[in-house]
PDB file of N, CA and C in Angstrom:
ATOM      1  N   MET A   1     104.898  84.684  56.793  1.00  0.00           N
ATOM      2  CA  MET A   1     105.829  85.507  56.123  1.00  0.00           C
ATOM      3  C   MET A   1     105.099  86.726  55.494  1.00  0.00           C
ATOM      4  N   GLU A   2     103.914  86.582  55.050  1.00  0.00           N
ATOM      5  CA  GLU A   2     103.204  87.671  54.412  1.00  0.00           C
ATOM      6  C   GLU A   2     103.002  88.862  55.354  1.00  0.00           C
ATOM      7  N   GLU A   3     102.631  88.531  56.556  1.00  0.00           N
ATOM      8  CA  GLU A   3     102.369  89.604  57.540  1.00  0.00           C
ATOM      9  C   GLU A   3     103.665  90.407  57.849  1.00  0.00           C
ATOM     10  N   GLU A   4     104.750  89.733  57.994  1.00  0.00           N
ATOM     11  CA  GLU A   4     106.011  90.369  58.277  1.00  0.00           C
ATOM     12  C   GLU A   4     106.452  91.240  57.086  1.00  0.00           C
ATOM     13  N   ASP A   5     106.215  90.731  55.835  1.00  0.00           N
ATOM     14  CA  ASP A   5     106.556  91.497  54.653  1.00  0.00           C
ATOM     15  C   ASP A   5     105.749  92.784  54.576  1.00  0.00           C
ATOM     16  N   ILE A   6     104.441  92.689  54.944  1.00  0.00           N
ATOM     17  CA  ILE A   6     103.558  93.827  54.890  1.00  0.00           C
ATOM     18  C   ILE A   6     103.995  94.890  55.882  1.00  0.00           C
ATOM     19  N   LYS A   7     104.358  94.464  57.101  1.00  0.00           N
ATOM     20  CA  LYS A   7     104.810  95.382  58.153  1.00  0.00           C
ATOM     21  C   LYS A   7     106.102  96.050  57.735  1.00  0.00           C
ATOM     22  N   ALA A   8     107.006  95.338  57.067  1.00  0.00           N
ATOM     23  CA  ALA A   8     108.284  95.912  56.630  1.00  0.00           C
ATOM     24  C   ALA A   8     108.027  96.945  55.545  1.00  0.00           C
ATOM     25  N   LEU A   9     107.101  96.669  54.612  1.00  0.00           N
ATOM     26  CA  LEU A   9     106.837  97.632  53.552  1.00  0.00           C
ATOM     27  C   LEU A   9     106.152  98.856  54.143  1.00  0.00           C
ATOM     28  N   LYS A  10     105.291  98.663  55.100  1.00  0.00           N
ATOM     29  CA  LYS A  10     104.588  99.799  55.742  1.00  0.00           C
ATOM     30  C   LYS A  10     105.573 100.720  56.395  1.00  0.00           C
ATOM     31  N   ARG A  11     106.538 100.167  57.164  1.00  0.00           N
ATOM     32  CA  ARG A  11     107.510 100.976  57.840  1.00  0.00           C
ATOM     33  C   ARG A  11     108.387 101.700  56.818  1.00  0.00           C
ATOM     34  N   ALA A  12     108.712 101.085  55.710  1.00  0.00           N
ATOM     35  CA  ALA A  12     109.586 101.682  54.763  1.00  0.00           C
ATOM     36  C   ALA A  12     108.857 102.808  54.001  1.00  0.00           C
ATOM     37  N   SER A  13     107.556 102.672  53.780  1.00  0.00           N
ATOM     38  CA  SER A  13     106.796 103.639  53.036  1.00  0.00           C
ATOM     39  C   SER A  13     106.440 104.852  53.849  1.00  0.00           C
ATOM     40  N   GLU A  14     106.479 104.735  55.128  1.00  0.00           N
ATOM     41  CA  GLU A  14     106.106 105.851  56.010  1.00  0.00           C
ATOM     42  C   GLU A  14     107.234 106.951  55.964  1.00  0.00           C
ATOM     43  N   SER A  15     106.906 108.092  55.597  1.00  0.00           N
ATOM     44  CA  SER A  15     107.893 109.123  55.407  1.00  0.00           C
ATOM     45  C   SER A  15     108.191 109.840  56.736  1.00  0.00           C
ATOM     46  N   GLN A  16     109.251 110.660  56.704  1.00  0.00           N
ATOM     47  CA  GLN A  16     109.601 111.466  57.881  1.00  0.00           C
ATOM     48  C   GLN A  16     108.518 112.475  58.227  1.00  0.00           C
ATOM     49  N   ALA A  17     107.844 113.019  57.239  1.00  0.00           N
ATOM     50  CA  ALA A  17     106.819 113.984  57.489  1.00  0.00           C
ATOM     51  C   ALA A  17     105.650 113.363  58.190  1.00  0.00           C
ATOM     52  N   GLU A  18     105.282 112.134  57.761  1.00  0.00           N
ATOM     53  CA  GLU A  18     104.196 111.473  58.404  1.00  0.00           C
ATOM     54  C   GLU A  18     104.508 111.145  59.868  1.00  0.00           C
ATOM     55  N   LYS A  19     105.756 110.742  60.127  1.00  0.00           N
ATOM     56  CA  LYS A  19     106.189 110.432  61.468  1.00  0.00           C
ATOM     57  C   LYS A  19     106.130 111.697  62.331  1.00  0.00           C
ATOM     58  N   ALA A  20     106.560 112.796  61.801  1.00  0.00           N
ATOM     59  CA  ALA A  20     106.599 114.034  62.547  1.00  0.00           C
ATOM     60  C   ALA A  20     105.104 114.492  62.827  1.00  0.00           C
ATOM     61  N   ALA A  21     104.228 114.338  61.853  1.00  0.00           N
ATOM     62  CA  ALA A  21     102.831 114.720  62.031  1.00  0.00           C
ATOM     63  C   ALA A  21     102.226 113.834  63.088  1.00  0.00           C
ATOM     64  N   LYS A  22     102.465 112.550  63.093  1.00  0.00           N
ATOM     65  CA  LYS A  22     101.894 111.662  64.078  1.00  0.00           C
ATOM     66  C   LYS A  22     102.387 112.026  65.494  1.00  0.00           C
ATOM     67  N   LYS A  23     103.712 112.356  65.602  1.00  0.00           N
ATOM     68  CA  LYS A  23     104.224 112.751  66.921  1.00  0.00           C
ATOM     69  C   LYS A  23     103.604 114.098  67.389  1.00  0.00           C
ATOM     70  N   GLN A  24     103.416 115.038  66.478  1.00  0.00           N
ATOM     71  CA  GLN A  24     102.843 116.306  66.850  1.00  0.00           C
ATOM     72  C   GLN A  24     101.407 116.120  67.292  1.00  0.00           C
ATOM     73  N   LYS A  25     100.673 115.224  66.592  1.00  0.00           N
ATOM     74  CA  LYS A  25      99.298 114.946  66.957  1.00  0.00           C
ATOM     75  C   LYS A  25      99.219 114.328  68.380  1.00  0.00           C
ATOM     76  N   SER A  26     100.118 113.430  68.667  1.00  0.00           N
ATOM     77  CA  SER A  26     100.057 112.848  70.002  1.00  0.00           C
ATOM     78  C   SER A  26     100.511 113.809  71.044  1.00  0.00           C
ATOM     79  N   ASP A  27     101.433 114.751  70.752  1.00  0.00           N
ATOM     80  CA  ASP A  27     101.828 115.773  71.688  1.00  0.00           C
ATOM     81  C   ASP A  27     100.661 116.697  72.007  1.00  0.00           C
ATOM     82  N   VAL A  28      99.837 116.999  71.037  1.00  0.00           N
ATOM     83  CA  VAL A  28      98.656 117.845  71.229  1.00  0.00           C
ATOM     84  C   VAL A  28      97.691 117.133  72.165  1.00  0.00           C
ATOM     85  N   GLU A  29      97.483 115.842  71.889  1.00  0.00           N
ATOM     86  CA  GLU A  29      96.546 115.052  72.714  1.00  0.00           C
ATOM     87  C   GLU A  29      97.018 115.035  74.170  1.00  0.00           C
ATOM     88  N   VAL A  30      98.334 114.840  74.362  1.00  0.00           N
ATOM     89  CA  VAL A  30      98.855 114.803  75.717  1.00  0.00           C
ATOM     90  C   VAL A  30      98.703 116.165  76.410  1.00  0.00           C
ATOM     91  N   ALA A  31      98.867 117.232  75.697  1.00  0.00           N
ATOM     92  CA  ALA A  31      98.655 118.557  76.289  1.00  0.00           C
ATOM     93  C   ALA A  31      97.220 118.729  76.699  1.00  0.00           C
ATOM     94  N   LYS A  32      96.271 118.290  75.879  1.00  0.00           N
ATOM     95  CA  LYS A  32      94.866 118.446  76.213  1.00  0.00           C
ATOM     96  C   LYS A  32      94.519 117.603  77.445  1.00  0.00           C
ATOM     97  N   LEU A  33      95.093 116.430  77.526  1.00  0.00           N
ATOM     98  CA  LEU A  33      94.802 115.554  78.677  1.00  0.00           C
ATOM     99  C   LEU A  33      95.406 116.157  79.945  1.00  0.00           C
ATOM    100  N   ASN A  34      96.588 116.769  79.841  1.00  0.00           N
ATOM    101  CA  ASN A  34      97.262 117.362  81.019  1.00  0.00           C
ATOM    102  C   ASN A  34      96.460 118.534  81.539  1.00  0.00           C
ATOM    103  N   LYS A  35      95.724 119.258  80.723  1.00  0.00           N
ATOM    104  CA  LYS A  35      94.891 120.340  81.166  1.00  0.00           C
ATOM    105  C   LYS A  35      93.852 119.862  82.118  1.00  0.00           C
ATOM    106  N   HIS A  36      93.303 118.689  81.868  1.00  0.00           N
ATOM    107  CA  HIS A  36      92.226 118.126  82.685  1.00  0.00           C
ATOM    108  C   HIS A  36      92.709 117.358  83.903  1.00  0.00           C
ATOM    109  N   LEU A  37      93.989 117.161  83.969  1.00  0.00           N
ATOM    110  CA  LEU A  37      94.553 116.370  85.082  1.00  0.00           C
ATOM    111  C   LEU A  37      94.747 117.257  86.284  1.00  0.00           C
ATOM    112  N   GLN A  38      94.111 116.859  87.386  1.00  0.00           N
ATOM    113  CA  GLN A  38      94.235 117.582  88.645  1.00  0.00           C
ATOM    114  C   GLN A  38      94.476 116.535  89.758  1.00  0.00           C
ATOM    115  N   ILE A  39      95.327 116.901  90.670  1.00  0.00           N
ATOM    116  CA  ILE A  39      95.588 116.098  91.854  1.00  0.00           C
ATOM    117  C   ILE A  39      94.741 116.624  92.972  1.00  0.00           C
ATOM    118  N   MET A  40      93.830 115.734  93.423  1.00  0.00           N
ATOM    119  CA  MET A  40      92.927 116.118  94.513  1.00  0.00           C
ATOM    120  C   MET A  40      93.366 115.417  95.778  1.00  0.00           C
ATOM    121  N   SER A  41      93.462 116.204  96.869  1.00  0.00           N
ATOM    122  CA  SER A  41      93.834 115.621  98.124  1.00  0.00           C
ATOM    123  C   SER A  41      92.558 115.108  98.768  1.00  0.00           C
ATOM    124  N   ASN A  42      92.642 113.949  99.371  1.00  0.00           N
ATOM    125  CA  ASN A  42      91.465 113.355 100.059  1.00  0.00           C
ATOM    126  C   ASN A  42      91.790 113.235 101.523  1.00  0.00           C
ATOM    127  N   ASP A  43      91.480 114.316 102.254  1.00  0.00           N
ATOM    128  CA  ASP A  43      91.768 114.387 103.674  1.00  0.00           C
ATOM    129  C   ASP A  43      90.743 113.666 104.530  1.00  0.00           C
ATOM    130  N   GLU A  44      89.610 113.350 103.962  1.00  0.00           N
ATOM    131  CA  GLU A  44      88.512 112.717 104.728  1.00  0.00           C
ATOM    132  C   GLU A  44      88.782 111.228 104.856  1.00  0.00           C
ATOM    133  N   ASP A  45      89.688 110.633 104.113  1.00  0.00           N
ATOM    134  CA  ASP A  45      89.871 109.218 104.136  1.00  0.00           C
ATOM    135  C   ASP A  45      91.129 108.826 104.915  1.00  0.00           C
ATOM    136  N   ASP A  46      91.299 109.369 106.080  1.00  0.00           N
ATOM    137  CA  ASP A  46      92.460 109.039 106.963  1.00  0.00           C
ATOM    138  C   ASP A  46      92.206 107.674 107.589  1.00  0.00           C
ATOM    139  N   VAL A  47      93.188 106.860 107.547  1.00  0.00           N
ATOM    140  CA  VAL A  47      93.061 105.507 108.175  1.00  0.00           C
ATOM    141  C   VAL A  47      94.043 105.436 109.301  1.00  0.00           C
ATOM    142  N   TYR A  48      93.596 105.070 110.426  1.00  0.00           N
ATOM    143  CA  TYR A  48      94.435 104.930 111.602  1.00  0.00           C
ATOM    144  C   TYR A  48      94.399 103.450 112.024  1.00  0.00           C
ATOM    145  N   THR A  49      95.537 102.892 112.302  1.00  0.00           N
ATOM    146  CA  THR A  49      95.564 101.496 112.758  1.00  0.00           C
ATOM    147  C   THR A  49      96.204 101.446 114.136  1.00  0.00           C
ATOM    148  N   LYS A  50      95.792 100.520 114.868  1.00  0.00           N
ATOM    149  CA  LYS A  50      96.338 100.327 116.216  1.00  0.00           C
ATOM    150  C   LYS A  50      97.559  99.402 116.032  1.00  0.00           C
ATOM    151  N   ALA A  51      98.741  99.955 116.243  1.00  0.00           N
ATOM    152  CA  ALA A  51      99.971  99.167 115.997  1.00  0.00           C
ATOM    153  C   ALA A  51     100.660  98.873 117.331  1.00  0.00           C
ATOM    154  N   THR A  52     101.137  97.698 117.421  1.00  0.00           N
ATOM    155  CA  THR A  52     101.940  97.327 118.561  1.00  0.00           C
ATOM    156  C   THR A  52     103.388  97.231 118.115  1.00  0.00           C
ATOM    157  N   PRO A  53     104.270  97.806 118.888  1.00  0.00           N
ATOM    158  CA  PRO A  53     105.707  97.770 118.532  1.00  0.00           C
ATOM    159  C   PRO A  53     106.238  96.281 118.595  1.00  0.00           C
ATOM    160  N   LEU A  54     107.164  95.979 117.712  1.00  0.00           N
ATOM    161  CA  LEU A  54     107.715  94.641 117.655  1.00  0.00           C
ATOM    162  C   LEU A  54     108.583  94.393 118.880  1.00  0.00           C
ATOM    163  N   ALA A  55     109.282  95.382 119.383  1.00  0.00           N
ATOM    164  CA  ALA A  55     110.130  95.210 120.537  1.00  0.00           C
ATOM    165  C   ALA A  55     109.878  96.393 121.463  1.00  0.00           C
ATOM    166  N   ARG A  56     109.799  96.089 122.709  1.00  0.00           N
ATOM    167  CA  ARG A  56     109.618  97.179 123.705  1.00  0.00           C
ATOM    168  C   ARG A  56     110.913  97.432 124.397  1.00  0.00           C
ATOM    169  N   LYS A  57     111.229  98.700 124.522  1.00  0.00           N
ATOM    170  CA  LYS A  57     112.394  99.111 125.271  1.00  0.00           C
ATOM    171  C   LYS A  57     111.987  99.610 126.645  1.00  0.00           C
ATOM    172  N   VAL A  58     112.364  98.849 127.673  1.00  0.00           N
ATOM    173  CA  VAL A  58     111.959  99.243 129.043  1.00  0.00           C
ATOM    174  C   VAL A  58     113.018 100.124 129.595  1.00  0.00           C
ATOM    175  N   PRO A  59     112.629 101.316 130.086  1.00  0.00           N
ATOM    176  CA  PRO A  59     113.616 102.210 130.655  1.00  0.00           C
ATOM    177  C   PRO A  59     114.138 101.675 131.982  1.00  0.00           C
ATOM    178  N   VAL A  60     115.423 101.656 132.196  1.00  0.00           N
ATOM    179  CA  VAL A  60     116.020 101.176 133.394  1.00  0.00           C
ATOM    180  C   VAL A  60     116.196 102.331 134.363  1.00  0.00           C
ATOM    181  N   ALA A  61     115.540 102.241 135.477  1.00  0.00           N
ATOM    182  CA  ALA A  61     115.625 103.342 136.457  1.00  0.00           C
ATOM    183  C   ALA A  61     116.840 103.258 137.335  1.00  0.00           C
ATOM    184  N   ASP A  62     117.046 102.060 137.936  1.00  0.00           N
ATOM    185  CA  ASP A  62     118.166 101.913 138.814  1.00  0.00           C
ATOM    186  C   ASP A  62     118.722 100.507 138.643  1.00  0.00           C
ATOM    187  N   TYR A  63     119.965 100.349 138.407  1.00  0.00           N
ATOM    188  CA  TYR A  63     120.573  99.063 138.202  1.00  0.00           C
ATOM    189  C   TYR A  63     121.841  98.939 138.965  1.00  0.00           C
ATOM    190  N   GLU A  64     122.233  97.728 139.166  1.00  0.00           N
ATOM    191  CA  GLU A  64     123.467  97.450 139.957  1.00  0.00           C
ATOM    192  C   GLU A  64     124.144  96.249 139.293  1.00  0.00           C
ATOM    193  N   ILE A  65     125.464  96.357 139.148  1.00  0.00           N
ATOM    194  CA  ILE A  65     126.228  95.239 138.602  1.00  0.00           C
ATOM    195  C   ILE A  65     126.674  94.381 139.763  1.00  0.00           C
ATOM    196  N   TYR A  66     126.330  93.117 139.714  1.00  0.00           N
ATOM    197  CA  TYR A  66     126.755  92.192 140.773  1.00  0.00           C
ATOM    198  C   TYR A  66     127.589  91.108 140.133  1.00  0.00           C
ATOM    199  N   THR A  67     128.446  90.547 140.971  1.00  0.00           N
ATOM    200  CA  THR A  67     129.336  89.479 140.448  1.00  0.00           C
ATOM    201  C   THR A  67     128.990  88.162 141.107  1.00  0.00           C
ATOM    202  N   GLU A  68     129.054  87.123 140.315  1.00  0.00           N
ATOM    203  CA  GLU A  68     128.801  85.821 140.827  1.00  0.00           C
ATOM    204  C   GLU A  68     129.837  84.842 140.169  1.00  0.00           C
ATOM    205  N   ASN A  69     130.637  84.207 140.995  1.00  0.00           N
ATOM    206  CA  ASN A  69     131.731  83.373 140.562  1.00  0.00           C
ATOM    207  C   ASN A  69     132.744  84.180 139.684  1.00  0.00           C
ATOM    208  N   ASN A  70     133.046  85.400 140.096  1.00  0.00           N
ATOM    209  CA  ASN A  70     133.971  86.286 139.466  1.00  0.00           C
ATOM    210  C   ASN A  70     133.522  86.658 138.079  1.00  0.00           C
ATOM    211  N   LYS A  71     132.200  86.615 137.760  1.00  0.00           N
ATOM    212  CA  LYS A  71     131.685  87.086 136.441  1.00  0.00           C
ATOM    213  C   LYS A  71     130.686  88.198 136.740  1.00  0.00           C
ATOM    214  N   PRO A  72     130.840  89.353 136.093  1.00  0.00           N
ATOM    215  CA  PRO A  72     129.894  90.416 136.297  1.00  0.00           C
ATOM    216  C   PRO A  72     128.574  90.148 135.517  1.00  0.00           C
ATOM    217  N   TYR A  73     127.466  90.436 136.174  1.00  0.00           N
ATOM    218  CA  TYR A  73     126.188  90.317 135.593  1.00  0.00           C
ATOM    219  C   TYR A  73     125.401  91.611 135.709  1.00  0.00           C
TER     220      TYR A  73
END
């Protein structure tokens, strides 16, 4: 119970000005970190895999419908 009471008092005692100052400080830190952030493309690390298709579609060159016992096949 003591720990929860301490946290509740700490939250209540923190003023709006302190909250705003803390947020502004974190915004400044984020801006500094974003300056150093760069996206680098890595074109040398291309990976090629030999893939086999799951199903093969065979092109039909010439086909004929034939009937067997009055059923077309």
